[in-house]
């Protein structure tokens, strides 16, 4: 009789790849982006309008612009 070894599938839990837990602001921003995508706001300008209406505010409490959004997302992706 031959024994077969079953090896569990390997996967990466995205949370394992993070160097730290997200801040409250990052959680709020992620939730707001998910809601915008869920509402069909896929284009950057529509996403920014949604974020400026629903929050959270951009850096330093300013309205979101393409530049601030791209800068924040780039920083969070590092």
N, C-alpha and C. Protein backbone atom coordinates (compact mmCIF):
# COMPACT_ATOMS: atom_id res chain seq x y z
N UNK A 1 0.84 -1.17 0.00
CA UNK A 1 0.00 0.00 0.00
C UNK A 1 0.89 1.24 0.00
N UNK A 2 0.61 2.17 -0.90
CA UNK A 2 1.41 3.38 -1.02
C UNK A 2 0.74 4.52 -0.27
N UNK A 3 1.52 5.25 0.52
CA UNK A 3 1.01 6.39 1.28
C UNK A 3 1.10 7.64 0.41
N UNK A 4 0.05 8.41 0.41
CA UNK A 4 0.04 9.68 -0.31
C UNK A 4 0.03 10.81 0.71
N UNK A 5 0.99 11.68 0.55
CA UNK A 5 1.07 12.82 1.47
C UNK A 5 0.28 13.98 0.89
N UNK A 6 -0.62 14.51 1.66
CA UNK A 6 -1.42 15.66 1.24
C UNK A 6 -0.77 16.92 1.80
N UNK A 7 -0.43 17.82 0.90
CA UNK A 7 0.19 19.09 1.29
C UNK A 7 -0.86 20.18 1.14
N UNK A 8 -1.14 20.92 2.21
CA UNK A 8 -2.15 21.99 2.10
C UNK A 8 -1.70 23.03 1.08
N UNK A 9 -2.69 23.63 0.42
CA UNK A 9 -2.38 24.69 -0.54
C UNK A 9 -1.73 25.86 0.18
N UNK A 10 -0.77 26.43 -0.49
CA UNK A 10 -0.13 27.63 0.07
C UNK A 10 -0.78 28.85 -0.54
N UNK A 11 -0.95 29.85 0.27
CA UNK A 11 -1.53 31.08 -0.20
C UNK A 11 -0.94 32.22 0.63
N UNK A 12 -1.06 33.40 0.10
CA UNK A 12 -0.60 34.58 0.82
C UNK A 12 -1.82 35.34 1.30
N UNK A 13 -1.93 35.47 2.57
CA UNK A 13 -2.96 36.32 3.15
C UNK A 13 -2.41 37.75 3.03
N UNK A 14 -3.11 38.65 2.33
CA UNK A 14 -2.57 40.00 2.14
C UNK A 14 -2.15 40.67 3.44
N UNK A 15 -2.82 40.32 4.54
CA UNK A 15 -2.48 40.95 5.82
C UNK A 15 -1.12 40.48 6.34
N UNK A 16 -0.63 39.34 5.85
CA UNK A 16 0.68 38.86 6.27
C UNK A 16 1.79 39.70 5.66
N UNK A 17 1.50 40.34 4.54
CA UNK A 17 2.53 41.09 3.82
C UNK A 17 2.69 42.51 4.34
N UNK A 18 1.81 42.94 5.21
CA UNK A 18 1.88 44.31 5.72
C UNK A 18 2.89 44.39 6.86
N UNK A 19 3.65 45.48 6.90
CA UNK A 19 4.62 45.65 7.99
C UNK A 19 3.97 46.08 9.31
N UNK A 20 2.69 46.55 9.23
CA UNK A 20 1.99 47.03 10.43
C UNK A 20 0.49 46.99 10.16
N UNK A 21 -0.28 47.14 11.20
CA UNK A 21 -1.73 47.23 11.03
C UNK A 21 -2.08 48.59 10.45
N UNK A 22 -3.17 48.68 9.68
CA UNK A 22 -3.56 49.98 9.13
C UNK A 22 -4.04 50.91 10.23
N UNK A 23 -3.85 52.20 9.99
CA UNK A 23 -4.36 53.21 10.91
C UNK A 23 -5.87 53.34 10.73
N UNK A 24 -6.52 54.03 11.62
CA UNK A 24 -7.96 54.28 11.48
C UNK A 24 -8.25 55.04 10.20
N UNK A 25 -7.39 56.01 9.88
CA UNK A 25 -7.56 56.79 8.65
C UNK A 25 -7.46 55.88 7.43
N UNK A 26 -6.50 54.97 7.42
CA UNK A 26 -6.34 54.06 6.29
C UNK A 26 -7.54 53.13 6.16
N UNK A 27 -8.08 52.67 7.29
CA UNK A 27 -9.29 51.84 7.25
C UNK A 27 -10.46 52.63 6.67
N UNK A 28 -10.64 53.87 7.12
CA UNK A 28 -11.73 54.71 6.60
C UNK A 28 -11.56 54.96 5.10
N UNK A 29 -10.34 55.25 4.69
CA UNK A 29 -10.08 55.51 3.27
C UNK A 29 -10.37 54.25 2.45
N UNK A 30 -9.91 53.12 2.91
CA UNK A 30 -10.16 51.87 2.19
C UNK A 30 -11.64 51.57 2.07
N UNK A 31 -12.38 51.78 3.15
CA UNK A 31 -13.83 51.57 3.12
C UNK A 31 -14.50 52.51 2.13
N UNK A 32 -14.07 53.77 2.12
CA UNK A 32 -14.67 54.76 1.22
C UNK A 32 -14.37 54.42 -0.24
N UNK A 33 -13.16 53.95 -0.51
CA UNK A 33 -12.80 53.56 -1.88
C UNK A 33 -13.63 52.34 -2.30
N UNK A 34 -13.81 51.37 -1.41
CA UNK A 34 -14.63 50.20 -1.73
C UNK A 34 -16.07 50.61 -2.03
N UNK A 35 -16.62 51.54 -1.24
CA UNK A 35 -17.99 52.01 -1.49
C UNK A 35 -18.09 52.72 -2.84
N UNK A 36 -17.07 53.52 -3.17
CA UNK A 36 -17.06 54.21 -4.45
C UNK A 36 -17.03 53.20 -5.60
N UNK A 37 -16.16 52.21 -5.51
CA UNK A 37 -16.10 51.20 -6.56
C UNK A 37 -17.42 50.44 -6.65
N UNK A 38 -18.00 50.13 -5.49
CA UNK A 38 -19.27 49.42 -5.47
C UNK A 38 -20.39 50.21 -6.11
N UNK A 39 -20.29 51.52 -6.07
CA UNK A 39 -21.29 52.40 -6.68
C UNK A 39 -20.98 52.66 -8.15
N UNK A 40 -19.92 52.03 -8.67
CA UNK A 40 -19.58 52.18 -10.08
C UNK A 40 -18.67 53.33 -10.42
N UNK A 41 -18.05 53.95 -9.42
CA UNK A 41 -17.15 55.08 -9.66
C UNK A 41 -15.74 54.56 -9.90
N UNK A 42 -15.49 54.12 -11.14
CA UNK A 42 -14.20 53.50 -11.47
C UNK A 42 -13.17 54.51 -11.97
N UNK A 43 -13.62 55.58 -12.57
CA UNK A 43 -12.71 56.59 -13.10
C UNK A 43 -12.23 57.48 -11.95
N UNK A 44 -10.99 57.97 -12.07
CA UNK A 44 -10.38 58.74 -10.99
C UNK A 44 -11.22 59.95 -10.60
N UNK A 45 -11.68 60.70 -11.57
CA UNK A 45 -12.45 61.91 -11.24
C UNK A 45 -13.73 61.57 -10.48
N UNK A 46 -14.42 60.52 -10.88
CA UNK A 46 -15.64 60.12 -10.18
C UNK A 46 -15.30 59.62 -8.77
N UNK A 47 -14.19 58.91 -8.64
CA UNK A 47 -13.74 58.45 -7.32
C UNK A 47 -13.45 59.64 -6.41
N UNK A 48 -12.79 60.65 -6.94
CA UNK A 48 -12.46 61.83 -6.15
C UNK A 48 -13.71 62.59 -5.71
N UNK A 49 -14.69 62.69 -6.60
CA UNK A 49 -15.95 63.35 -6.24
C UNK A 49 -16.60 62.58 -5.09
N UNK A 50 -16.61 61.26 -5.20
CA UNK A 50 -17.20 60.43 -4.14
C UNK A 50 -16.45 60.63 -2.82
N UNK A 51 -15.12 60.61 -2.85
CA UNK A 51 -14.34 60.79 -1.63
C UNK A 51 -14.57 62.17 -1.02
N UNK A 52 -14.66 63.18 -1.86
CA UNK A 52 -14.87 64.54 -1.35
C UNK A 52 -16.26 64.71 -0.76
N UNK A 53 -17.24 63.91 -1.21
CA UNK A 53 -18.59 63.98 -0.64
C UNK A 53 -18.70 63.14 0.63
N UNK A 54 -18.07 61.96 0.62
CA UNK A 54 -18.29 61.02 1.73
C UNK A 54 -17.14 60.94 2.72
N UNK A 55 -15.97 61.45 2.34
CA UNK A 55 -14.82 61.40 3.23
C UNK A 55 -14.13 60.06 3.19
N UNK A 56 -13.07 59.91 3.89
CA UNK A 56 -12.44 60.91 4.76
C UNK A 56 -11.77 62.00 3.93
N UNK A 57 -11.49 63.14 4.55
CA UNK A 57 -10.84 64.21 3.80
C UNK A 57 -9.44 63.81 3.37
N UNK A 58 -8.92 64.56 2.41
CA UNK A 58 -7.56 64.32 1.95
C UNK A 58 -6.54 64.74 3.00
N UNK A 59 -5.26 64.62 2.67
CA UNK A 59 -4.21 65.01 3.61
C UNK A 59 -4.41 66.45 4.12
N UNK A 60 -4.15 66.63 5.38
CA UNK A 60 -4.29 67.94 6.04
C UNK A 60 -5.70 68.48 5.97
N UNK A 61 -6.69 67.59 5.81
CA UNK A 61 -8.08 68.03 5.79
C UNK A 61 -8.52 68.69 4.50
N UNK A 62 -7.67 68.66 3.48
CA UNK A 62 -7.99 69.31 2.21
C UNK A 62 -8.81 68.38 1.32
N UNK A 63 -9.53 68.94 0.35
CA UNK A 63 -10.25 68.11 -0.61
C UNK A 63 -9.28 67.24 -1.42
N UNK A 64 -9.78 66.09 -1.85
CA UNK A 64 -8.96 65.19 -2.66
C UNK A 64 -8.77 65.76 -4.06
N UNK A 65 -7.55 65.67 -4.57
CA UNK A 65 -7.24 65.98 -5.96
C UNK A 65 -6.55 64.75 -6.54
N UNK A 66 -6.39 64.73 -7.84
CA UNK A 66 -5.69 63.59 -8.46
C UNK A 66 -4.29 63.45 -7.87
N UNK A 67 -3.63 64.57 -7.66
CA UNK A 67 -2.26 64.54 -7.15
C UNK A 67 -2.20 64.01 -5.72
N UNK A 68 -3.11 64.49 -4.85
CA UNK A 68 -3.06 64.03 -3.46
C UNK A 68 -3.45 62.56 -3.38
N UNK A 69 -4.46 62.15 -4.16
CA UNK A 69 -4.88 60.75 -4.13
C UNK A 69 -3.73 59.84 -4.58
N UNK A 70 -3.11 60.17 -5.69
CA UNK A 70 -2.02 59.34 -6.21
C UNK A 70 -0.84 59.31 -5.24
N UNK A 71 -0.56 60.41 -4.60
CA UNK A 71 0.53 60.47 -3.62
C UNK A 71 0.24 59.59 -2.41
N UNK A 72 -0.98 59.68 -1.89
CA UNK A 72 -1.36 58.88 -0.72
C UNK A 72 -1.34 57.40 -1.05
N UNK A 73 -1.92 57.02 -2.19
CA UNK A 73 -1.98 55.63 -2.57
C UNK A 73 -0.57 55.08 -2.82
N UNK A 74 0.28 55.88 -3.43
CA UNK A 74 1.67 55.44 -3.65
C UNK A 74 2.37 55.20 -2.32
N UNK A 75 2.21 56.11 -1.38
CA UNK A 75 2.82 55.97 -0.06
C UNK A 75 2.29 54.73 0.67
N UNK A 76 0.98 54.52 0.60
CA UNK A 76 0.40 53.36 1.28
C UNK A 76 0.82 52.04 0.63
N UNK A 77 1.17 52.09 -0.65
CA UNK A 77 1.56 50.88 -1.35
C UNK A 77 3.02 50.50 -1.15
N UNK A 78 3.77 51.33 -0.48
CA UNK A 78 5.19 51.01 -0.28
C UNK A 78 5.41 50.06 0.86
